[in-house]
PDB file of N, CA and C in Angstrom:
ATOM      1  N   MET A   1       0.849  -1.176   0.000  1.00  0.00           N
ATOM      2  CA  MET A   1       0.000   0.000   0.000  1.00  0.00           C
ATOM      3  C   MET A   1       0.893   1.237   0.000  1.00  0.00           C
ATOM      4  N   THR A   2       0.637   2.154  -0.895  1.00  0.00           N
ATOM      5  CA  THR A   2       1.421   3.384  -0.957  1.00  0.00           C
ATOM      6  C   THR A   2       0.608   4.524  -0.393  1.00  0.00           C
ATOM      7  N   LEU A   3       1.311   5.408   0.256  1.00  0.00           N
ATOM      8  CA  LEU A   3       0.651   6.587   0.811  1.00  0.00           C
ATOM      9  C   LEU A   3       0.894   7.751  -0.122  1.00  0.00           C
ATOM     10  N   SER A   4      -0.123   8.252  -0.699  1.00  0.00           N
ATOM     11  CA  SER A   4       0.012   9.435  -1.530  1.00  0.00           C
ATOM     12  C   SER A   4      -1.152  10.363  -1.220  1.00  0.00           C
ATOM     13  N   ALA A   5      -0.838  11.613  -1.182  1.00  0.00           N
ATOM     14  CA  ALA A   5      -1.870  12.607  -0.894  1.00  0.00           C
ATOM     15  C   ALA A   5      -1.531  13.875  -1.636  1.00  0.00           C
ATOM     16  N   THR A   6      -2.530  14.565  -2.024  1.00  0.00           N
ATOM     17  CA  THR A   6      -2.309  15.847  -2.667  1.00  0.00           C
ATOM     18  C   THR A   6      -2.197  16.922  -1.607  1.00  0.00           C
ATOM     19  N   SER A   7      -1.722  18.061  -2.012  1.00  0.00           N
ATOM     20  CA  SER A   7      -1.564  19.154  -1.047  1.00  0.00           C
ATOM     21  C   SER A   7      -2.908  19.641  -0.518  1.00  0.00           C
ATOM     22  N   GLU A   8      -3.979  19.345  -1.248  1.00  0.00           N
ATOM     23  CA  GLU A   8      -5.293  19.750  -0.779  1.00  0.00           C
ATOM     24  C   GLU A   8      -5.782  18.852   0.352  1.00  0.00           C
ATOM     25  N   GLU A   9      -5.322  17.602   0.375  1.00  0.00           N
ATOM     26  CA  GLU A   9      -5.754  16.675   1.408  1.00  0.00           C
ATOM     27  C   GLU A   9      -5.053  16.928   2.740  1.00  0.00           C
ATOM     28  N   ILE A  10      -3.804  17.374   2.677  1.00  0.00           N
ATOM     29  CA  ILE A  10      -3.035  17.617   3.898  1.00  0.00           C
ATOM     30  C   ILE A  10      -3.012  19.112   4.164  1.00  0.00           C
ATOM     31  N   LYS A  11      -3.641  19.477   5.223  1.00  0.00           N
ATOM     32  CA  LYS A  11      -3.689  20.889   5.593  1.00  0.00           C
ATOM     33  C   LYS A  11      -3.101  21.044   6.982  1.00  0.00           C
ATOM     34  N   PRO A  12      -2.334  22.098   7.203  1.00  0.00           N
ATOM     35  CA  PRO A  12      -1.779  22.295   8.539  1.00  0.00           C
ATOM     36  C   PRO A  12      -2.895  22.595   9.542  1.00  0.00           C
ATOM     37  N   ALA A  13      -2.677  22.162  10.760  1.00  0.00           N
ATOM     38  CA  ALA A  13      -3.659  22.416  11.818  1.00  0.00           C
ATOM     39  C   ALA A  13      -3.774  23.917  12.060  1.00  0.00           C
ATOM     40  N   GLN A  14      -4.984  24.369  12.223  1.00  0.00           N
ATOM     41  CA  GLN A  14      -5.221  25.787  12.477  1.00  0.00           C
ATOM     42  C   GLN A  14      -5.015  26.077  13.955  1.00  0.00           C
ATOM     43  N   ARG A  15      -4.216  27.066  14.254  1.00  0.00           N
ATOM     44  CA  ARG A  15      -4.008  27.475  15.639  1.00  0.00           C
ATOM     45  C   ARG A  15      -5.057  28.506  16.020  1.00  0.00           C
ATOM     46  N   PRO A  16      -5.508  28.445  17.256  1.00  0.00           N
ATOM     47  CA  PRO A  16      -6.429  29.491  17.693  1.00  0.00           C
ATOM     48  C   PRO A  16      -5.680  30.811  17.793  1.00  0.00           C
ATOM     49  N   PRO A  17      -6.350  31.927  17.575  1.00  0.00           N
ATOM     50  CA  PRO A  17      -5.669  33.221  17.653  1.00  0.00           C
ATOM     51  C   PRO A  17      -5.167  33.462  19.071  1.00  0.00           C
ATOM     52  N   ARG A  18      -3.996  34.109  19.176  1.00  0.00           N
ATOM     53  CA  ARG A  18      -3.433  34.423  20.481  1.00  0.00           C
ATOM     54  C   ARG A  18      -4.230  35.542  21.120  1.00  0.00           C
ATOM     55  N   CYS A  19      -4.437  35.390  22.386  1.00  0.00           N
ATOM     56  CA  CYS A  19      -5.171  36.406  23.133  1.00  0.00           C
ATOM     57  C   CYS A  19      -4.164  37.368  23.738  1.00  0.00           C
ATOM     58  N   GLU A  20      -3.878  38.448  23.027  1.00  0.00           N
ATOM     59  CA  GLU A  20      -2.922  39.435  23.517  1.00  0.00           C
ATOM     60  C   GLU A  20      -3.667  40.696  23.888  1.00  0.00           C
ATOM     61  N   PRO A  21      -3.270  41.306  24.989  1.00  0.00           N
ATOM     62  CA  PRO A  21      -3.897  42.553  25.379  1.00  0.00           C
ATOM     63  C   PRO A  21      -3.602  43.645  24.346  1.00  0.00           C
ATOM     64  N   ALA A  22      -4.523  44.550  24.202  1.00  0.00           N
ATOM     65  CA  ALA A  22      -4.338  45.664  23.288  1.00  0.00           C
ATOM     66  C   ALA A  22      -3.201  46.544  23.775  1.00  0.00           C
ATOM     67  N   GLY A  23      -2.403  47.059  22.870  1.00  0.00           N
ATOM     68  CA  GLY A  23      -1.242  47.875  23.224  1.00  0.00           C
ATOM     69  C   GLY A  23      -1.583  49.099  24.035  1.00  0.00           C
ATOM     70  N   ASN A  24      -1.777  50.222  23.385  1.00  0.00           N
ATOM     71  CA  ASN A  24      -2.067  51.462  24.097  1.00  0.00           C
ATOM     72  C   ASN A  24      -3.526  51.850  24.002  1.00  0.00           C
ATOM     73  N   ALA A  25      -4.345  50.971  23.464  1.00  0.00           N
ATOM     74  CA  ALA A  25      -5.760  51.284  23.300  1.00  0.00           C
ATOM     75  C   ALA A  25      -6.451  51.344  24.658  1.00  0.00           C
ATOM     76  N   ARG A  26      -7.304  52.302  24.831  1.00  0.00           N
ATOM     77  CA  ARG A  26      -8.077  52.424  26.063  1.00  0.00           C
ATOM     78  C   ARG A  26      -9.524  52.084  25.767  1.00  0.00           C
ATOM     79  N   PRO A  27     -10.153  51.307  26.659  1.00  0.00           N
ATOM     80  CA  PRO A  27     -11.563  51.020  26.462  1.00  0.00           C
ATOM     81  C   PRO A  27     -12.403  52.286  26.561  1.00  0.00           C
ATOM     82  N   ALA A  28     -13.601  52.227  25.999  1.00  0.00           N
ATOM     83  CA  ALA A  28     -14.475  53.401  25.966  1.00  0.00           C
ATOM     84  C   ALA A  28     -14.817  53.912  27.361  1.00  0.00           C
ATOM     85  N   GLY A  29     -14.831  53.040  28.352  1.00  0.00           N
ATOM     86  CA  GLY A  29     -15.188  53.438  29.707  1.00  0.00           C
ATOM     87  C   GLY A  29     -14.110  54.217  30.427  1.00  0.00           C
ATOM     88  N   GLY A  30     -12.956  54.457  29.776  1.00  0.00           N
ATOM     89  CA  GLY A  30     -11.895  55.210  30.416  1.00  0.00           C
ATOM     90  C   GLY A  30     -11.107  54.382  31.410  1.00  0.00           C
ATOM     91  N   GLY A  31     -11.232  53.055  31.327  1.00  0.00           N
ATOM     92  CA  GLY A  31     -10.514  52.171  32.232  1.00  0.00           C
ATOM     93  C   GLY A  31      -9.047  52.096  31.871  1.00  0.00           C
ATOM     94  N   PRO A  32      -8.321  51.225  32.514  1.00  0.00           N
ATOM     95  CA  PRO A  32      -6.908  51.107  32.248  1.00  0.00           C
ATOM     96  C   PRO A  32      -6.627  50.565  30.859  1.00  0.00           C
ATOM     97  N   ALA A  33      -5.445  50.880  30.340  1.00  0.00           N
ATOM     98  CA  ALA A  33      -5.075  50.437  29.005  1.00  0.00           C
ATOM     99  C   ALA A  33      -4.983  48.932  28.966  1.00  0.00           C
ATOM    100  N   GLY A  34      -5.652  48.317  27.998  1.00  0.00           N
ATOM    101  CA  GLY A  34      -5.560  46.885  27.816  1.00  0.00           C
ATOM    102  C   GLY A  34      -6.215  46.077  28.925  1.00  0.00           C
ATOM    103  N   GLY A  35      -6.982  46.696  29.777  1.00  0.00           N
ATOM    104  CA  GLY A  35      -7.568  46.012  30.914  1.00  0.00           C
ATOM    105  C   GLY A  35      -8.496  44.885  30.537  1.00  0.00           C
ATOM    106  N   ALA A  36      -9.090  44.947  29.346  1.00  0.00           N
ATOM    107  CA  ALA A  36     -10.022  43.906  28.944  1.00  0.00           C
ATOM    108  C   ALA A  36      -9.311  42.579  28.735  1.00  0.00           C
ATOM    109  N   GLY A  37      -8.020  42.592  28.360  1.00  0.00           N
ATOM    110  CA  GLY A  37      -7.298  41.368  28.095  1.00  0.00           C
ATOM    111  C   GLY A  37      -6.584  40.796  29.297  1.00  0.00           C
ATOM    112  N   VAL A  38      -6.660  41.445  30.444  1.00  0.00           N
ATOM    113  CA  VAL A  38      -5.935  41.005  31.628  1.00  0.00           C
ATOM    114  C   VAL A  38      -6.906  40.373  32.606  1.00  0.00           C
ATOM    115  N   ARG A  39      -6.580  39.149  33.016  1.00  0.00           N
ATOM    116  CA  ARG A  39      -7.435  38.492  33.999  1.00  0.00           C
ATOM    117  C   ARG A  39      -7.200  39.135  35.367  1.00  0.00           C
ATOM    118  N   ARG A  40      -8.138  38.965  36.256  1.00  0.00           N
ATOM    119  CA  ARG A  40      -7.996  39.503  37.604  1.00  0.00           C
ATOM    120  C   ARG A  40      -7.000  38.661  38.381  1.00  0.00           C
ATOM    121  N   LEU A  41      -6.296  39.303  39.293  1.00  0.00           N
ATOM    122  CA  LEU A  41      -5.272  38.636  40.086  1.00  0.00           C
ATOM    123  C   LEU A  41      -5.809  38.300  41.470  1.00  0.00           C
ATOM    124  N   THR A  42      -5.349  37.183  42.015  1.00  0.00           N
ATOM    125  CA  THR A  42      -5.724  36.836  43.382  1.00  0.00           C
ATOM    126  C   THR A  42      -4.992  37.759  44.346  1.00  0.00           C
ATOM    127  N   ALA A  43      -5.438  37.764  45.595  1.00  0.00           N
ATOM    128  CA  ALA A  43      -4.807  38.623  46.599  1.00  0.00           C
ATOM    129  C   ALA A  43      -3.332  38.269  46.775  1.00  0.00           C
ATOM    130  N   VAL A  44      -3.004  36.980  46.710  1.00  0.00           N
ATOM    131  CA  VAL A  44      -1.604  36.561  46.848  1.00  0.00           C
ATOM    132  C   VAL A  44      -0.793  37.043  45.648  1.00  0.00           C
ATOM    133  N   ASP A  45      -1.332  36.898  44.435  1.00  0.00           N
ATOM    134  CA  ASP A  45      -0.631  37.366  43.240  1.00  0.00           C
ATOM    135  C   ASP A  45      -0.423  38.874  43.278  1.00  0.00           C
ATOM    136  N   VAL A  46      -1.396  39.598  43.793  1.00  0.00           N
ATOM    137  CA  VAL A  46      -1.273  41.053  43.922  1.00  0.00           C
ATOM    138  C   VAL A  46      -0.101  41.393  44.836  1.00  0.00           C
ATOM    139  N   ARG A  47      -0.026  40.751  45.998  1.00  0.00           N
ATOM    140  CA  ARG A  47       1.065  41.014  46.943  1.00  0.00           C
ATOM    141  C   ARG A  47       2.421  40.653  46.342  1.00  0.00           C
ATOM    142  N   ILE A  48       2.461  39.549  45.591  1.00  0.00           N
ATOM    143  CA  ILE A  48       3.710  39.127  44.964  1.00  0.00           C
ATOM    144  C   ILE A  48       4.117  40.114  43.876  1.00  0.00           C
ATOM    145  N   LEU A  49       3.187  40.523  43.021  1.00  0.00           N
ATOM    146  CA  LEU A  49       3.496  41.476  41.948  1.00  0.00           C
ATOM    147  C   LEU A  49       3.967  42.802  42.524  1.00  0.00           C
ATOM    148  N   GLU A  50       3.309  43.272  43.565  1.00  0.00           N
ATOM    149  CA  GLU A  50       3.742  44.520  44.204  1.00  0.00           C
ATOM    150  C   GLU A  50       5.134  44.367  44.807  1.00  0.00           C
ATOM    151  N   GLY A  51       5.408  43.198  45.389  1.00  0.00           N
ATOM    152  CA  GLY A  51       6.736  42.943  45.941  1.00  0.00           C
ATOM    153  C   GLY A  51       7.802  42.903  44.863  1.00  0.00           C
ATOM    154  N   VAL A  52       7.504  42.256  43.755  1.00  0.00           N
ATOM    155  CA  VAL A  52       8.451  42.209  42.636  1.00  0.00           C
ATOM    156  C   VAL A  52       8.687  43.615  42.100  1.00  0.00           C
ATOM    157  N   ALA A  53       7.642  44.429  42.048  1.00  0.00           N
ATOM    158  CA  ALA A  53       7.756  45.790  41.504  1.00  0.00           C
ATOM    159  C   ALA A  53       8.693  46.660  42.341  1.00  0.00           C
ATOM    160  N   VAL A  54       8.758  46.420  43.638  1.00  0.00           N
ATOM    161  CA  VAL A  54       9.649  47.232  44.485  1.00  0.00           C
ATOM    162  C   VAL A  54      10.993  46.554  44.713  1.00  0.00           C
ATOM    163  N   GLY A  55      11.168  45.336  44.180  1.00  0.00           N
ATOM    164  CA  GLY A  55      12.455  44.657  44.275  1.00  0.00           C
ATOM    165  C   GLY A  55      12.641  43.817  45.519  1.00  0.00           C
ATOM    166  N   THR A  56      11.569  43.388  46.141  1.00  0.00           N
ATOM    167  CA  THR A  56      11.663  42.557  47.328  1.00  0.00           C
ATOM    168  C   THR A  56      12.204  41.177  46.953  1.00  0.00           C
ATOM    169  N   PRO A  57      13.216  40.690  47.677  1.00  0.00           N
ATOM    170  CA  PRO A  57      13.760  39.358  47.368  1.00  0.00           C
ATOM    171  C   PRO A  57      12.724  38.254  47.597  1.00  0.00           C
ATOM    172  N   THR A  58      12.895  37.156  46.884  1.00  0.00           N
ATOM    173  CA  THR A  58      11.974  36.023  46.970  1.00  0.00           C
ATOM    174  C   THR A  58      11.844  35.504  48.399  1.00  0.00           C
ATOM    175  N   VAL A  59      12.959  35.400  49.107  1.00  0.00           N
ATOM    176  CA  VAL A  59      12.933  34.851  50.460  1.00  0.00           C
ATOM    177  C   VAL A  59      12.111  35.744  51.389  1.00  0.00           C
ATOM    178  N   ARG A  60      12.248  37.052  51.253  1.00  0.00           N
ATOM    179  CA  ARG A  60      11.474  37.965  52.092  1.00  0.00           C
ATOM    180  C   ARG A  60       9.994  37.913  51.741  1.00  0.00           C
ATOM    181  N   LEU A  61       9.669  37.832  50.442  1.00  0.00           N
ATOM    182  CA  LEU A  61       8.272  37.679  50.029  1.00  0.00           C
ATOM    183  C   LEU A  61       7.686  36.396  50.605  1.00  0.00           C
ATOM    184  N   ALA A  62       8.451  35.319  50.515  1.00  0.00           N
ATOM    185  CA  ALA A  62       7.980  34.029  51.023  1.00  0.00           C
ATOM    186  C   ALA A  62       7.693  34.106  52.511  1.00  0.00           C
ATOM    187  N   ALA A  63       8.580  34.724  53.267  1.00  0.00           N
ATOM    188  CA  ALA A  63       8.386  34.820  54.711  1.00  0.00           C
ATOM    189  C   ALA A  63       7.174  35.677  55.056  1.00  0.00           C
ATOM    190  N   SER A  64       6.992  36.779  54.345  1.00  0.00           N
ATOM    191  CA  SER A  64       5.879  37.671  54.667  1.00  0.00           C
ATOM    192  C   SER A  64       4.526  37.088  54.267  1.00  0.00           C
ATOM    193  N   LEU A  65       4.509  36.196  53.263  1.00  0.00           N
ATOM    194  CA  LEU A  65       3.251  35.600  52.799  1.00  0.00           C
ATOM    195  C   LEU A  65       3.046  34.181  53.312  1.00  0.00           C
ATOM    196  N   TYR A  66       3.963  33.712  54.146  1.00  0.00           N
ATOM    197  CA  TYR A  66       3.883  32.353  54.707  1.00  0.00           C
ATOM    198  C   TYR A  66       3.817  31.300  53.604  1.00  0.00           C
ATOM    199  N   LEU A  67       4.646  31.486  52.582  1.00  0.00           N
ATOM    200  CA  LEU A  67       4.774  30.530  51.489  1.00  0.00           C
ATOM    201  C   LEU A  67       6.238  30.112  51.376  1.00  0.00           C
ATOM    202  N   SER A  68       6.498  29.051  50.643  1.00  0.00           N
ATOM    203  CA  SER A  68       7.880  28.652  50.404  1.00  0.00           C
ATOM    204  C   SER A  68       8.463  29.522  49.286  1.00  0.00           C
ATOM    205  N   PRO A  69       9.788  29.666  49.247  1.00  0.00           N
ATOM    206  CA  PRO A  69      10.401  30.394  48.124  1.00  0.00           C
ATOM    207  C   PRO A  69      10.050  29.762  46.772  1.00  0.00           C
ATOM    208  N   GLN A  70       9.932  28.431  46.740  1.00  0.00           N
ATOM    209  CA  GLN A  70       9.558  27.770  45.495  1.00  0.00           C
ATOM    210  C   GLN A  70       8.126  28.126  45.095  1.00  0.00           C
ATOM    211  N   GLY A  71       7.251  28.293  46.074  1.00  0.00           N
ATOM    212  CA  GLY A  71       5.876  28.701  45.795  1.00  0.00           C
ATOM    213  C   GLY A  71       5.820  30.103  45.207  1.00  0.00           C
ATOM    214  N   ILE A  72       6.661  30.992  45.745  1.00  0.00           N
ATOM    215  CA  ILE A  72       6.733  32.356  45.212  1.00  0.00           C
ATOM    216  C   ILE A  72       7.243  32.325  43.777  1.00  0.00           C
ATOM    217  N   GLU A  73       8.317  31.577  43.539  1.00  0.00           N
ATOM    218  CA  GLU A  73       8.872  31.470  42.184  1.00  0.00           C
ATOM    219  C   GLU A  73       7.849  30.881  41.210  1.00  0.00           C
ATOM    220  N   TYR A  74       7.078  29.906  41.669  1.00  0.00           N
ATOM    221  CA  TYR A  74       6.044  29.300  40.826  1.00  0.00           C
ATOM    222  C   TYR A  74       4.999  30.349  40.437  1.00  0.00           C
ATOM    223  N   ARG A  75       4.521  31.117  41.408  1.00  0.00           N
ATOM    224  CA  ARG A  75       3.487  32.124  41.130  1.00  0.00           C
ATOM    225  C   ARG A  75       4.033  33.209  40.203  1.00  0.00           C
ATOM    226  N   ILE A  76       5.295  33.609  40.415  1.00  0.00           N
ATOM    227  CA  ILE A  76       5.910  34.606  39.538  1.00  0.00           C
ATOM    228  C   ILE A  76       6.008  34.047  38.118  1.00  0.00           C
ATOM    229  N   GLY A  77       6.377  32.782  38.003  1.00  0.00           N
ATOM    230  CA  GLY A  77       6.448  32.146  36.685  1.00  0.00           C
ATOM    231  C   GLY A  77       5.107  32.137  35.975  1.00  0.00           C
ATOM    232  N   LEU A  78       4.039  31.858  36.734  1.00  0.00           N
ATOM    233  CA  LEU A  78       2.696  31.887  36.144  1.00  0.00           C
ATOM    234  C   LEU A  78       2.342  33.291  35.653  1.00  0.00           C
ATOM    235  N   MET A  79       2.660  34.303  36.457  1.00  0.00           N
ATOM    236  CA  MET A  79       2.355  35.679  36.041  1.00  0.00           C
ATOM    237  C   MET A  79       3.198  36.079  34.835  1.00  0.00           C
ATOM    238  N   MET A  80       4.483  35.651  34.809  1.00  0.00           N
ATOM    239  CA  MET A  80       5.334  35.978  33.663  1.00  0.00           C
ATOM    240  C   MET A  80       4.774  35.351  32.385  1.00  0.00           C
ATOM    241  N   ARG A  81       4.264  34.128  32.494  1.00  0.00           N
ATOM    242  CA  ARG A  81       3.656  33.483  31.337  1.00  0.00           C
ATOM    243  C   ARG A  81       2.378  34.209  30.923  1.00  0.00           C
ATOM    244  N   HIS A  82       1.559  34.586  31.906  1.00  0.00           N
ATOM    245  CA  HIS A  82       0.297  35.266  31.603  1.00  0.00           C
ATOM    246  C   HIS A  82       0.540  36.622  30.943  1.00  0.00           C
ATOM    247  N   PHE A  83       1.514  37.367  31.456  1.00  0.00           N
ATOM    248  CA  PHE A  83       1.818  38.694  30.911  1.00  0.00           C
ATOM    249  C   PHE A  83       2.799  38.625  29.741  1.00  0.00           C
ATOM    250  N   GLN A  84       3.203  37.414  29.366  1.00  0.00           N
ATOM    251  CA  GLN A  84       4.153  37.203  28.274  1.00  0.00           C
ATOM    252  C   GLN A  84       5.430  37.998  28.494  1.00  0.00           C
ATOM    253  N   ALA A  85       6.001  37.821  29.673  1.00  0.00           N
ATOM    254  CA  ALA A  85       7.226  38.517  30.055  1.00  0.00           C
ATOM    255  C   ALA A  85       8.346  37.500  30.240  1.00  0.00           C
ATOM    256  N   ALA A  86       9.541  37.860  29.823  1.00  0.00           N
ATOM    257  CA  ALA A  86      10.674  36.940  29.880  1.00  0.00           C
ATOM    258  C   ALA A  86      11.347  36.905  31.254  1.00  0.00           C
ATOM    259  N   ASN A  87      11.217  37.981  32.019  1.00  0.00           N
ATOM    260  CA  ASN A  87      11.868  38.048  33.320  1.00  0.00           C
ATOM    261  C   ASN A  87      11.111  39.013  34.227  1.00  0.00           C
ATOM    262  N   ARG A  88      11.598  39.191  35.459  1.00  0.00           N
ATOM    263  CA  ARG A  88      10.883  40.038  36.423  1.00  0.00           C
ATOM    264  C   ARG A  88      10.767  41.497  35.987  1.00  0.00           C
ATOM    265  N   PRO A  89      11.861  42.120  35.516  1.00  0.00           N
ATOM    266  CA  PRO A  89      11.694  43.512  35.058  1.00  0.00           C
ATOM    267  C   PRO A  89      10.673  43.642  33.927  1.00  0.00           C
ATOM    268  N   ALA A  90      10.658  42.668  33.031  1.00  0.00           N
ATOM    269  CA  ALA A  90       9.684  42.702  31.940  1.00  0.00           C
ATOM    270  C   ALA A  90       8.269  42.512  32.470  1.00  0.00           C
ATOM    271  N   LEU A  91       8.110  41.695  33.519  1.00  0.00           N
ATOM    272  CA  LEU A  91       6.795  41.499  34.140  1.00  0.00           C
ATOM    273  C   LEU A  91       6.275  42.813  34.707  1.00  0.00           C
ATOM    274  N   VAL A  92       7.123  43.520  35.433  1.00  0.00           N
ATOM    275  CA  VAL A  92       6.721  44.804  36.015  1.00  0.00           C
ATOM    276  C   VAL A  92       6.421  45.815  34.910  1.00  0.00           C
ATOM    277  N   SER A  93       7.246  45.820  33.884  1.00  0.00           N
ATOM    278  CA  SER A  93       7.035  46.736  32.763  1.00  0.00           C
ATOM    279  C   SER A  93       5.708  46.466  32.065  1.00  0.00           C
ATOM    280  N   ARG A  94       5.409  45.193  31.812  1.00  0.00           N
ATOM    281  CA  ARG A  94       4.134  44.850  31.173  1.00  0.00           C
ATOM    282  C   ARG A  94       2.952  45.242  32.051  1.00  0.00           C
ATOM    283  N   ALA A  95       3.079  44.986  33.367  1.00  0.00           N
ATOM    284  CA  ALA A  95       1.993  45.348  34.277  1.00  0.00           C
ATOM    285  C   ALA A  95       1.755  46.854  34.258  1.00  0.00           C
ATOM    286  N   HIS A  96       2.831  47.642  34.226  1.00  0.00           N
ATOM    287  CA  HIS A  96       2.680  49.102  34.137  1.00  0.00           C
ATOM    288  C   HIS A  96       2.043  49.504  32.814  1.00  0.00           C
ATOM    289  N   SER A  97       2.531  48.919  31.714  1.00  0.00           N
ATOM    290  CA  SER A  97       2.020  49.330  30.400  1.00  0.00           C
ATOM    291  C   SER A  97       0.568  48.930  30.188  1.00  0.00           C
ATOM    292  N   LEU A  98       0.124  47.870  30.868  1.00  0.00           N
ATOM    293  CA  LEU A  98      -1.270  47.443  30.754  1.00  0.00           C
ATOM    294  C   LEU A  98      -2.176  48.152  31.750  1.00  0.00           C
ATOM    295  N   GLY A  99      -1.598  48.989  32.606  1.00  0.00           N
ATOM    296  CA  GLY A  99      -2.407  49.731  33.563  1.00  0.00           C
ATOM    297  C   GLY A  99      -2.759  48.950  34.810  1.00  0.00           C
ATOM    298  N   VAL A 100      -2.087  47.825  35.049  1.00  0.00           N
ATOM    299  CA  VAL A 100      -2.376  47.019  36.230  1.00  0.00           C
ATOM    300  C   VAL A 100      -1.781  47.676  37.476  1.00  0.00           C
ATOM    301  N   LEU A 101      -0.579  48.233  37.351  1.00  0.00           N
ATOM    302  CA  LEU A 101       0.078  48.906  38.478  1.00  0.00           C
ATOM    303  C   LEU A 101      -0.183  50.408  38.419  1.00  0.00           C
ATOM    304  N   SER A 102      -0.287  51.009  39.585  1.00  0.00           N
ATOM    305  CA  SER A 102      -0.528  52.451  39.668  1.00  0.00           C
ATOM    306  C   SER A 102       0.655  53.218  39.088  1.00  0.00           C
ATOM    307  N   VAL A 103       0.378  54.380  38.576  1.00  0.00           N
ATOM    308  CA  VAL A 103       1.396  55.229  37.978  1.00  0.00           C
ATOM    309  C   VAL A 103       1.556  56.469  38.852  1.00  0.00           C
ATOM    310  N   GLY A 104       2.781  56.900  39.048  1.00  0.00           N
ATOM    311  CA  GLY A 104       3.028  58.128  39.781  1.00  0.00           C
ATOM    312  C   GLY A 104       2.989  57.983  41.288  1.00  0.00           C
ATOM    313  N   ALA A 105       3.069  56.760  41.792  1.00  0.00           N
ATOM    314  CA  ALA A 105       3.044  56.543  43.237  1.00  0.00           C
ATOM    315  C   ALA A 105       4.107  55.517  43.597  1.00  0.00           C
ATOM    316  N   TRP A 106       4.712  55.693  44.757  1.00  0.00           N
ATOM    317  CA  TRP A 106       5.673  54.703  45.231  1.00  0.00           C
ATOM    318  C   TRP A 106       5.273  54.267  46.622  1.00  0.00           C
ATOM    319  N   PRO A 107       5.210  53.034  46.937  1.00  0.00           N
ATOM    320  CA  PRO A 107       5.432  51.892  46.055  1.00  0.00           C
ATOM    321  C   PRO A 107       4.251  51.673  45.124  1.00  0.00           C
ATOM    322  N   PRO A 108       4.515  51.073  43.954  1.00  0.00           N
ATOM    323  CA  PRO A 108       3.411  50.814  43.016  1.00  0.00           C
ATOM    324  C   PRO A 108       2.423  49.823  43.599  1.00  0.00           C
ATOM    325  N   ARG A 109       1.171  50.054  43.349  1.00  0.00           N
ATOM    326  CA  ARG A 109       0.105  49.178  43.835  1.00  0.00           C
ATOM    327  C   ARG A 109      -0.731  48.699  42.655  1.00  0.00           C
ATOM    328  N   VAL A 110      -1.257  47.484  42.783  1.00  0.00           N
ATOM    329  CA  VAL A 110      -2.187  46.962  41.778  1.00  0.00           C
ATOM    330  C   VAL A 110      -3.510  47.693  41.965  1.00  0.00           C
ATOM    331  N   LEU A 111      -4.065  48.172  40.882  1.00  0.00           N
ATOM    332  CA  LEU A 111      -5.338  48.907  40.959  1.00  0.00           C
ATOM    333  C   LEU A 111      -6.463  47.962  41.367  1.00  0.00           C
ATOM    334  N   PRO A 112      -7.427  48.452  42.116  1.00  0.00           N
ATOM    335  CA  PRO A 112      -8.493  47.600  42.658  1.00  0.00           C
ATOM    336  C   PRO A 112      -9.302  46.844  41.602  1.00  0.00           C
ATOM    337  N   GLU A 113      -9.443  47.397  40.401  1.00  0.00           N
ATOM    338  CA  GLU A 113     -10.247  46.707  39.377  1.00  0.00           C
ATOM    339  C   GLU A 113      -9.587  45.423  38.865  1.00  0.00           C
ATOM    340  N   PHE A 114      -8.318  45.211  39.202  1.00  0.00           N
ATOM    341  CA  PHE A 114      -7.627  43.985  38.780  1.00  0.00           C
ATOM    342  C   PHE A 114      -7.559  42.963  39.899  1.00  0.00           C
ATOM    343  N   LEU A 115      -8.119  43.265  41.047  1.00  0.00           N
ATOM    344  CA  LEU A 115      -8.141  42.337  42.174  1.00  0.00           C
ATOM    345  C   LEU A 115      -9.365  41.431  42.086  1.00  0.00           C
ATOM    346  N   GLU A 116      -9.109  40.135  42.162  1.00  0.00           N
ATOM    347  CA  GLU A 116     -10.194  39.159  42.126  1.00  0.00           C
ATOM    348  C   GLU A 116     -10.980  39.252  43.418  1.00  0.00           C
ATOM    349  N   SER A 117     -12.318  39.282  43.316  1.00  0.00           N
ATOM    350  CA  SER A 117     -13.114  39.385  44.538  1.00  0.00           C
ATOM    351  C   SER A 117     -13.454  38.053  45.107  1.00  0.00           C
TER     352      SER A 117
END
């Protein structure tokens, strides 16, 4: 038995479109930039993101949140994947550019509309 097929019979699998947040577009409601594409963060993720934004070491974050350092690294990895960031500075930068972190205040805080209730 020989296997032969025409190019019409073999079609590459279709990938679903990537869900990327809008760049600098603002929703009509005047909300944060790209907020529609960002999922809400849990209270623990909010504390971790705020800690990363101010440069808190993993061990100190772990102690303050009663988690293991590996647990903190795992959660940071999940957020980096969600925000499509290669490293911690890129994660903070993406969060700022998407309007998740407050602007013009130190320390940066996650805005309440991104906190999961």
